[in-house]
Amino acid sequence: MATPNYGFEKRQRELAKKKKKEEKLRAKAERKLQPSSPGLMPGDPETDVASLERDPPTVPSEPTKDG
């Protein structure tokens, strides 16, 4: 029976860990370059704070009665 080569196994684990880390950093960099999700686009009246400050939502001053 052959003896296990622990040095080779350790090196393979280290290489796999390094590859995973590089892929994670690459994905993070891509997310940073991509615009955020469509619902959070600048200028979107639902999410844009500046537009909410310009045009506050209309709220009736007194409740209305039906009937």
C-alpha atoms as a PDB file:
ATOM      1  CA  MET A   1       0.000   0.000   0.000  1.00  0.00           C
ATOM      2  CA  ALA A   2       1.272   3.482  -0.893  1.00  0.00           C
ATOM      3  CA  THR A   3       1.793   6.069   1.794  1.00  0.00           C
ATOM      4  CA  PRO A   4      -0.273   9.261   1.599  1.00  0.00           C
ATOM      5  CA  ASN A   5       1.513  12.300   0.286  1.00  0.00           C
ATOM      6  CA  TYR A   6       0.354  14.896   2.778  1.00  0.00           C
ATOM      7  CA  GLY A   7       2.470  17.640   1.237  1.00  0.00           C
ATOM      8  CA  PHE A   8       0.723  17.227  -2.122  1.00  0.00           C
ATOM      9  CA  GLU A   9      -2.724  17.223  -0.508  1.00  0.00           C
ATOM     10  CA  LYS A  10      -1.903  20.360   1.487  1.00  0.00           C
ATOM     11  CA  ARG A  11      -0.636  22.118  -1.635  1.00  0.00           C
ATOM     12  CA  GLN A  12      -3.833  21.209  -3.507  1.00  0.00           C
ATOM     13  CA  ARG A  13      -5.964  22.616  -0.664  1.00  0.00           C
ATOM     14  CA  GLU A  14      -3.901  25.819  -0.633  1.00  0.00           C
ATOM     15  CA  LEU A  15      -4.259  26.212  -4.401  1.00  0.00           C
ATOM     16  CA  ALA A  16      -8.011  25.634  -4.208  1.00  0.00           C
ATOM     17  CA  LYS A  17      -8.315  28.188  -1.407  1.00  0.00           C
ATOM     18  CA  LYS A  18      -6.257  30.718  -3.380  1.00  0.00           C
ATOM     19  CA  LYS A  19      -8.369  30.177  -6.511  1.00  0.00           C
ATOM     20  CA  LYS A  20     -11.603  30.593  -4.559  1.00  0.00           C
ATOM     21  CA  LYS A  21     -10.321  33.811  -2.966  1.00  0.00           C
ATOM     22  CA  GLU A  22      -9.313  35.244  -6.365  1.00  0.00           C
ATOM     23  CA  GLU A  23     -12.730  34.391  -7.838  1.00  0.00           C
ATOM     24  CA  LYS A  24     -14.422  36.058  -4.896  1.00  0.00           C
ATOM     25  CA  LEU A  25     -12.330  39.221  -5.308  1.00  0.00           C
ATOM     26  CA  ARG A  26     -13.023  39.247  -9.065  1.00  0.00           C
ATOM     27  CA  ALA A  27     -16.775  38.926  -8.468  1.00  0.00           C
ATOM     28  CA  LYS A  28     -16.633  41.713  -5.884  1.00  0.00           C
ATOM     29  CA  ALA A  29     -14.809  43.981  -8.350  1.00  0.00           C
ATOM     30  CA  GLU A  30     -17.395  43.227 -11.045  1.00  0.00           C
ATOM     31  CA  ARG A  31     -20.248  44.069  -8.661  1.00  0.00           C
ATOM     32  CA  LYS A  32     -18.521  47.342  -7.850  1.00  0.00           C
ATOM     33  CA  LEU A  33     -18.320  48.269 -11.549  1.00  0.00           C
ATOM     34  CA  GLN A  34     -21.901  47.211 -12.358  1.00  0.00           C
ATOM     35  CA  PRO A  35     -24.751  49.611 -11.570  1.00  0.00           C
ATOM     36  CA  SER A  36     -26.899  48.563  -8.656  1.00  0.00           C
ATOM     37  CA  SER A  37     -30.199  46.788  -9.095  1.00  0.00           C
ATOM     38  CA  PRO A  38     -32.804  48.498 -11.324  1.00  0.00           C
ATOM     39  CA  GLY A  39     -34.967  49.511  -8.356  1.00  0.00           C
ATOM     40  CA  LEU A  40     -32.146  51.572  -6.862  1.00  0.00           C
ATOM     41  CA  MET A  41     -31.161  53.627  -9.875  1.00  0.00           C
ATOM     42  CA  PRO A  42     -30.339  57.298  -9.215  1.00  0.00           C
ATOM     43  CA  GLY A  43     -33.177  59.513 -10.344  1.00  0.00           C
ATOM     44  CA  ASP A  44     -35.812  56.912  -9.573  1.00  0.00           C
ATOM     45  CA  PRO A  45     -38.576  58.880  -7.815  1.00  0.00           C
ATOM     46  CA  GLU A  46     -39.245  56.040  -5.389  1.00  0.00           C
ATOM     47  CA  THR A  47     -35.687  55.811  -4.125  1.00  0.00           C
ATOM     48  CA  ASP A  48     -34.122  59.178  -4.944  1.00  0.00           C
ATOM     49  CA  VAL A  49     -33.895  61.209  -1.733  1.00  0.00           C
ATOM     50  CA  ALA A  50     -33.323  64.468  -3.621  1.00  0.00           C
ATOM     51  CA  SER A  51     -36.561  64.051  -5.566  1.00  0.00           C
ATOM     52  CA  LEU A  52     -38.445  63.359  -2.338  1.00  0.00           C
ATOM     53  CA  GLU A  53     -37.069  66.578  -0.877  1.00  0.00           C
ATOM     54  CA  ARG A  54     -38.133  68.528  -3.978  1.00  0.00           C
ATOM     55  CA  ASP A  55     -41.562  66.934  -4.297  1.00  0.00           C
ATOM     56  CA  PRO A  56     -42.796  65.696  -0.933  1.00  0.00           C
ATOM     57  CA  PRO A  57     -45.637  63.193  -1.098  1.00  0.00           C
ATOM     58  CA  THR A  58     -49.059  64.750  -0.911  1.00  0.00           C
ATOM     59  CA  VAL A  59     -50.899  64.016   2.311  1.00  0.00           C
ATOM     60  CA  PRO A  60     -54.315  65.508   3.049  1.00  0.00           C
ATOM     61  CA  SER A  61     -54.223  67.914   5.985  1.00  0.00           C
ATOM     62  CA  GLU A  62     -57.628  66.743   7.274  1.00  0.00           C
ATOM     63  CA  PRO A  63     -59.203  63.335   6.807  1.00  0.00           C
ATOM     64  CA  THR A  64     -61.952  63.249   4.218  1.00  0.00           C
ATOM     65  CA  LYS A  65     -65.367  61.765   4.925  1.00  0.00           C
ATOM     66  CA  ASP A  66     -67.070  59.463   2.478  1.00  0.00           C
ATOM     67  CA  GLY A  67     -70.811  59.907   2.167  1.00  0.00           C
END
